[in-house]
Amino acid sequence: MDGTMEDSEAVQRATALIEQRLAQEEENEKLRGDARQKLPMDLLVLEDEKHHGAQSAALQKVKGQERVRKTSLDLRREIIDVGGIQNLIELRKKRKQKKRDALAASHEPPPEPEEITGPVDEETFLKAAVEGKMKVIEKFLADGGSADTCDQFRRTALHRASLEGHMEILEKLLDNGATVDFQDRLDCTAMHWACRGGHLEVVKLLQSHGADTNVRDKAGKTPTDLVQLWQADTRHALEHPEPGAEHNGLEGPNDSGRETPQPVPAQ
């Protein structure tokens, strides 16, 4: 009897112990599940970015810029599709050509008229020697005008044409009695101006009409001196370029302190 009771109590204790362990294991399992659900904030963010993409401010800005680029690209494509790329190229060429034409027109003298009607005054005659308008020169001389007509600086059409290199006008003036060694207010002759302009053919033409190459201007320079001075200064500029000076050697003063002879526009 007593043995049976003891066996019954042992079974009860074993059953209670088993139920206690089962309950403890269930509690542990529940705690582990809660821990997985309550991840740290940084881990949650990483998990969210892994599935949905990062949502930082920098990334949002990049995405916005990408949308703008796509919009601009679509717009350009629409323009090309509507007008055609060839039309756009032709339009750009026309605009550039129009600008070049306008720039060239602003520097070019007006075209010479086909026929000169009426008398040509002295100012127009001297201006024609600079611009190379032969018909104006011919009309002035045909009407009895003097080939030695000069301005207030005593600069004749021969001086002006020599500087510009207009050979036909020079021949016309010389054939009509222009004084080859006529000196202006600086005592310069046409030969001085031809040397300043760098026109070798003009120099030869004036020499063939007896031009004196030894005439000195008010600075004491002969035409040959002007050529030698220009050559010396040019050589010095080429051998000793100044910092920041233009490569053509015409910009900036030279170290010799002398002024390099330059073509002077006829006044």
Protein backbone atom coordinates (compact mmCIF):
# COMPACT_ATOMS: atom_id res chain seq x y z
CA MET A 1 0.00 0.00 0.00
CA ASP A 2 2.74 2.39 1.01
CA GLY A 3 4.76 1.45 -2.07
CA THR A 4 1.89 2.26 -4.34
CA MET A 5 1.43 5.69 -2.83
CA GLU A 6 5.12 6.47 -3.19
CA ASP A 7 5.07 5.49 -6.85
CA SER A 8 2.06 7.75 -7.44
CA GLU A 9 3.78 10.74 -5.81
CA ALA A 10 6.94 10.14 -7.88
CA VAL A 11 4.91 10.17 -11.08
CA GLN A 12 3.22 13.41 -10.07
CA ARG A 13 6.55 15.07 -9.30
CA ALA A 14 8.01 13.91 -12.62
CA THR A 15 4.95 15.17 -14.48
CA ALA A 16 5.15 18.56 -12.76
CA LEU A 17 8.84 18.85 -13.57
CA ILE A 18 8.21 18.02 -17.23
CA GLU A 19 5.37 20.59 -17.45
CA GLN A 20 7.62 23.18 -15.79
CA ARG A 21 10.40 22.59 -18.33
CA LEU A 22 7.96 22.72 -21.22
CA ALA A 23 6.59 26.02 -19.95
CA GLN A 24 10.10 27.40 -19.62
CA GLU A 25 10.99 26.38 -23.17
CA GLU A 26 7.82 28.02 -24.48
CA GLU A 27 8.73 31.23 -22.64
CA ASN A 28 12.23 31.19 -24.09
CA GLU A 29 10.86 30.64 -27.58
CA LYS A 30 8.52 33.60 -27.14
CA LEU A 31 11.37 35.84 -25.99
CA ARG A 32 13.46 34.91 -29.02
CA GLY A 33 10.58 35.82 -31.34
CA ASP A 34 10.15 39.22 -29.70
CA ALA A 35 13.87 39.90 -30.07
CA ARG A 36 13.70 39.28 -33.84
CA GLN A 37 10.78 41.67 -34.17
CA LYS A 38 12.45 44.45 -32.16
CA LEU A 39 15.62 45.04 -34.25
CA PRO A 40 17.81 48.12 -33.59
CA MET A 41 16.98 51.24 -35.61
CA ASP A 42 20.07 51.05 -37.83
CA LEU A 43 19.34 47.42 -38.70
CA LEU A 44 15.76 48.27 -39.52
CA VAL A 45 16.91 51.06 -41.86
CA LEU A 46 19.30 48.72 -43.63
CA GLU A 47 16.60 46.11 -44.03
CA ASP A 48 14.21 48.71 -45.41
CA GLU A 49 16.80 50.07 -47.87
CA LYS A 50 17.58 46.53 -48.96
CA HIS A 51 13.98 45.98 -49.99
CA HIS A 52 12.84 49.49 -50.99
CA GLY A 53 16.01 51.52 -51.72
CA ALA A 54 17.70 54.29 -49.73
CA GLN A 55 15.72 57.46 -49.17
CA SER A 56 18.50 59.87 -48.08
CA ALA A 57 18.39 63.57 -49.03
CA ALA A 58 21.49 63.23 -51.23
CA LEU A 59 19.94 60.34 -53.12
CA GLN A 60 16.71 62.24 -53.58
CA LYS A 61 18.72 65.18 -55.04
CA VAL A 62 20.53 62.90 -57.48
CA LYS A 63 17.23 61.37 -58.54
CA GLY A 64 15.80 64.87 -59.10
CA GLN A 65 18.76 65.86 -61.28
CA GLU A 66 18.38 62.67 -63.25
CA ARG A 67 14.72 63.50 -63.90
CA VAL A 68 15.75 66.97 -65.16
CA ARG A 69 18.35 65.46 -67.48
CA LYS A 70 15.85 63.02 -68.85
CA THR A 71 13.37 65.84 -69.40
CA SER A 72 15.97 67.97 -71.24
CA LEU A 73 17.02 65.02 -73.34
CA ASP A 74 13.42 64.28 -74.24
CA LEU A 75 12.93 67.94 -75.20
CA ARG A 76 15.99 67.92 -77.47
CA ARG A 77 14.78 64.73 -79.07
CA GLU A 78 11.40 66.29 -79.68
CA ILE A 79 13.00 69.34 -81.32
CA ILE A 80 15.11 67.15 -83.57
CA ASP A 81 12.17 64.94 -84.42
CA VAL A 82 9.96 67.93 -85.28
CA GLY A 83 12.41 70.10 -87.24
CA GLY A 84 15.01 67.58 -88.25
CA ILE A 85 18.67 67.77 -87.27
CA GLN A 86 19.67 68.95 -90.75
CA ASN A 87 17.37 71.95 -90.47
CA LEU A 88 18.95 72.89 -87.16
CA ILE A 89 22.43 72.64 -88.65
CA GLU A 90 21.46 74.79 -91.63
CA LEU A 91 19.87 77.38 -89.36
CA ARG A 92 23.02 77.62 -87.26
CA LYS A 93 25.17 78.01 -90.39
CA LYS A 94 22.93 80.79 -91.68
CA ARG A 95 23.16 82.67 -88.39
CA LYS A 96 26.95 82.44 -88.35
CA GLN A 97 27.20 83.56 -91.96
CA LYS A 98 24.89 86.48 -91.28
CA LYS A 99 27.15 87.63 -88.44
CA ARG A 100 30.25 87.31 -90.62
CA ASP A 101 28.63 89.27 -93.43
CA ALA A 102 27.56 92.03 -91.07
CA LEU A 103 31.07 92.28 -89.62
CA ALA A 104 32.68 92.36 -93.06
CA ALA A 105 30.23 94.98 -94.30
CA SER A 106 31.07 97.28 -91.39
CA HIS A 107 34.76 97.34 -92.44
CA GLU A 108 34.40 97.43 -96.20
CA PRO A 109 34.11 100.74 -98.05
CA PRO A 110 30.97 101.24 -100.11
CA PRO A 111 31.22 99.77 -103.62
CA GLU A 112 32.47 101.98 -106.40
CA PRO A 113 29.69 103.24 -108.67
CA GLU A 114 29.65 101.91 -112.22
CA GLU A 115 29.64 105.41 -113.65
CA ILE A 116 30.74 108.67 -112.07
CA THR A 117 28.31 111.50 -112.76
CA GLY A 118 29.04 115.04 -111.77
CA PRO A 119 32.29 116.54 -110.51
CA VAL A 120 34.53 114.82 -107.93
CA ASP A 121 35.68 117.05 -105.10
CA GLU A 122 39.19 116.95 -103.63
CA GLU A 123 38.17 115.12 -100.45
CA THR A 124 36.47 112.35 -102.44
CA PHE A 125 39.51 112.12 -104.72
CA LEU A 126 41.92 111.69 -101.79
CA LYS A 127 39.63 109.18 -100.10
CA ALA A 128 39.43 107.18 -103.33
CA ALA A 129 43.23 106.83 -103.29
CA VAL A 130 42.94 105.05 -99.93
CA GLU A 131 39.96 102.88 -100.92
CA GLY A 132 41.34 101.96 -104.33
CA LYS A 133 38.50 103.46 -106.39
CA MET A 134 40.08 103.89 -109.78
CA LYS A 135 37.02 105.37 -111.53
CA VAL A 136 36.84 108.22 -109.04
CA ILE A 137 40.56 108.93 -109.60
CA GLU A 138 40.12 108.86 -113.36
CA LYS A 139 37.08 111.20 -113.26
CA PHE A 140 38.89 113.73 -111.06
CA LEU A 141 41.95 113.79 -113.32
CA ALA A 142 39.85 113.81 -116.49
CA ASP A 143 38.02 116.90 -115.20
CA GLY A 144 41.36 118.72 -114.86
CA GLY A 145 42.14 118.00 -111.21
CA SER A 146 45.78 118.08 -110.14
CA ALA A 147 47.48 114.78 -109.32
CA ASP A 148 49.34 116.67 -106.55
CA THR A 149 46.14 117.68 -104.75
CA CYS A 150 46.78 117.35 -101.01
CA ASP A 151 45.03 117.72 -97.65
CA GLN A 152 45.87 119.97 -94.70
CA PHE A 153 48.80 117.69 -93.86
CA ARG A 154 50.14 118.10 -97.42
CA ARG A 155 49.48 114.40 -97.96
CA THR A 156 48.71 113.64 -101.59
CA ALA A 157 46.90 110.79 -103.30
CA LEU A 158 50.35 109.40 -104.17
CA HIS A 159 51.25 109.23 -100.46
CA ARG A 160 47.99 107.50 -99.60
CA ALA A 161 48.06 104.99 -102.44
CA SER A 162 51.72 104.17 -101.67
CA LEU A 163 50.82 103.27 -98.09
CA GLU A 164 47.91 101.09 -99.23
CA GLY A 165 49.73 99.48 -102.16
CA HIS A 166 47.27 100.41 -104.93
CA MET A 167 49.53 99.90 -107.94
CA GLU A 168 47.06 100.85 -110.70
CA ILE A 169 46.17 104.13 -109.01
CA LEU A 170 49.86 104.92 -108.47
CA GLU A 171 50.60 104.34 -112.15
CA LYS A 172 47.65 106.54 -113.11
CA LEU A 173 48.79 109.35 -110.82
CA LEU A 174 52.40 109.20 -112.02
CA ASP A 175 51.29 109.14 -115.65
CA ASN A 176 49.26 112.29 -114.93
CA GLY A 177 52.21 114.24 -113.53
CA ALA A 178 52.20 113.44 -109.81
CA THR A 179 55.42 114.65 -108.15
CA VAL A 180 57.20 111.49 -107.04
CA ASP A 181 59.17 113.19 -104.22
CA PHE A 182 56.37 115.44 -102.98
CA GLN A 183 56.91 115.92 -99.22
CA ASP A 184 54.13 116.18 -96.65
CA ARG A 185 54.27 118.19 -93.40
CA LEU A 186 56.52 115.49 -91.90
CA ASP A 187 58.79 115.79 -94.97
CA CYS A 188 57.86 112.22 -95.89
CA THR A 189 57.71 111.25 -99.55
CA ALA A 190 55.67 108.51 -101.18
CA MET A 191 58.75 106.29 -100.81
CA HIS A 192 58.65 106.74 -97.01
CA TRP A 193 55.02 105.69 -96.96
CA ALA A 194 55.64 102.73 -99.26
CA CYS A 195 58.34 101.49 -96.88
CA ARG A 196 56.04 101.93 -93.91
CA GLY A 197 53.38 99.93 -95.73
CA GLY A 198 55.86 97.22 -96.69
CA HIS A 199 55.01 97.28 -100.41
CA LEU A 200 58.07 96.21 -102.41
CA GLU A 201 56.34 96.57 -105.79
CA VAL A 202 55.43 100.16 -104.95
CA VAL A 203 59.05 100.90 -104.01
CA LYS A 204 60.21 99.53 -107.38
CA LEU A 205 57.58 101.57 -109.23
CA LEU A 206 58.59 104.80 -107.49
CA GLN A 207 62.28 104.08 -108.15
CA SER A 208 61.50 103.57 -111.83
CA HIS A 209 60.04 107.09 -111.85
CA GLY A 210 63.16 108.59 -110.29
CA ALA A 211 62.22 108.65 -106.59
CA ASP A 212 65.05 109.82 -104.32
CA THR A 213 65.74 107.20 -101.63
CA ASN A 214 67.97 109.61 -99.67
CA VAL A 215 65.30 112.16 -98.77
CA ARG A 216 65.09 112.60 -94.98
CA ASP A 217 61.92 113.29 -93.05
CA LYS A 218 61.75 115.59 -90.00
CA ALA A 219 63.00 112.75 -87.81
CA GLY A 220 66.07 112.53 -90.01
CA LYS A 221 65.11 109.15 -91.45
CA THR A 222 65.43 108.11 -95.06
CA PRO A 223 63.21 105.36 -96.52
CA THR A 224 66.15 102.97 -96.16
CA ASP A 225 66.49 103.93 -92.48
CA LEU A 226 62.84 103.06 -91.91
CA VAL A 227 63.31 99.62 -93.43
CA GLN A 228 66.47 98.95 -91.38
CA LEU A 229 64.82 100.21 -88.20
CA TRP A 230 61.82 97.99 -88.78
CA GLN A 231 64.06 95.00 -89.44
CA ALA A 232 66.15 95.62 -86.30
CA ASP A 233 63.12 96.04 -84.07
CA THR A 234 61.43 93.00 -85.59
CA ARG A 235 64.53 90.88 -85.08
CA HIS A 236 64.82 92.09 -81.46
CA ALA A 237 61.14 91.31 -80.82
CA LEU A 238 61.54 87.81 -82.25
CA GLU A 239 64.72 87.08 -80.28
CA HIS A 240 63.52 88.64 -77.01
CA PRO A 241 59.75 88.19 -76.74
CA GLU A 242 58.13 90.07 -73.89
CA PRO A 243 56.01 88.18 -71.35
CA GLY A 244 52.36 88.45 -72.29
CA ALA A 245 53.10 90.06 -75.66
CA GLU A 246 51.30 88.90 -78.76
CA HIS A 247 53.13 86.31 -80.86
CA ASN A 248 53.17 88.58 -83.90
CA GLY A 249 55.57 90.96 -82.16
CA LEU A 250 53.41 94.00 -82.84
CA GLU A 251 51.94 94.44 -79.36
CA GLY A 252 53.65 96.27 -76.53
CA PRO A 253 56.70 98.58 -76.54
CA ASN A 254 60.11 97.15 -77.39
CA ASP A 255 63.03 97.22 -75.01
CA SER A 256 65.08 99.47 -77.26
CA GLY A 257 62.80 102.37 -76.43
CA ARG A 258 62.25 103.07 -80.12
CA GLU A 259 58.90 103.13 -81.77
CA THR A 260 58.52 100.45 -84.42
CA PRO A 261 57.37 102.05 -87.67
CA GLN A 262 53.78 101.07 -88.36
CA PRO A 263 51.48 101.76 -91.28
CA VAL A 264 49.78 105.07 -90.55
CA PRO A 265 46.27 105.54 -91.97
CA ALA A 266 46.07 108.45 -94.36
CA GLN A 267 44.20 111.35 -92.89
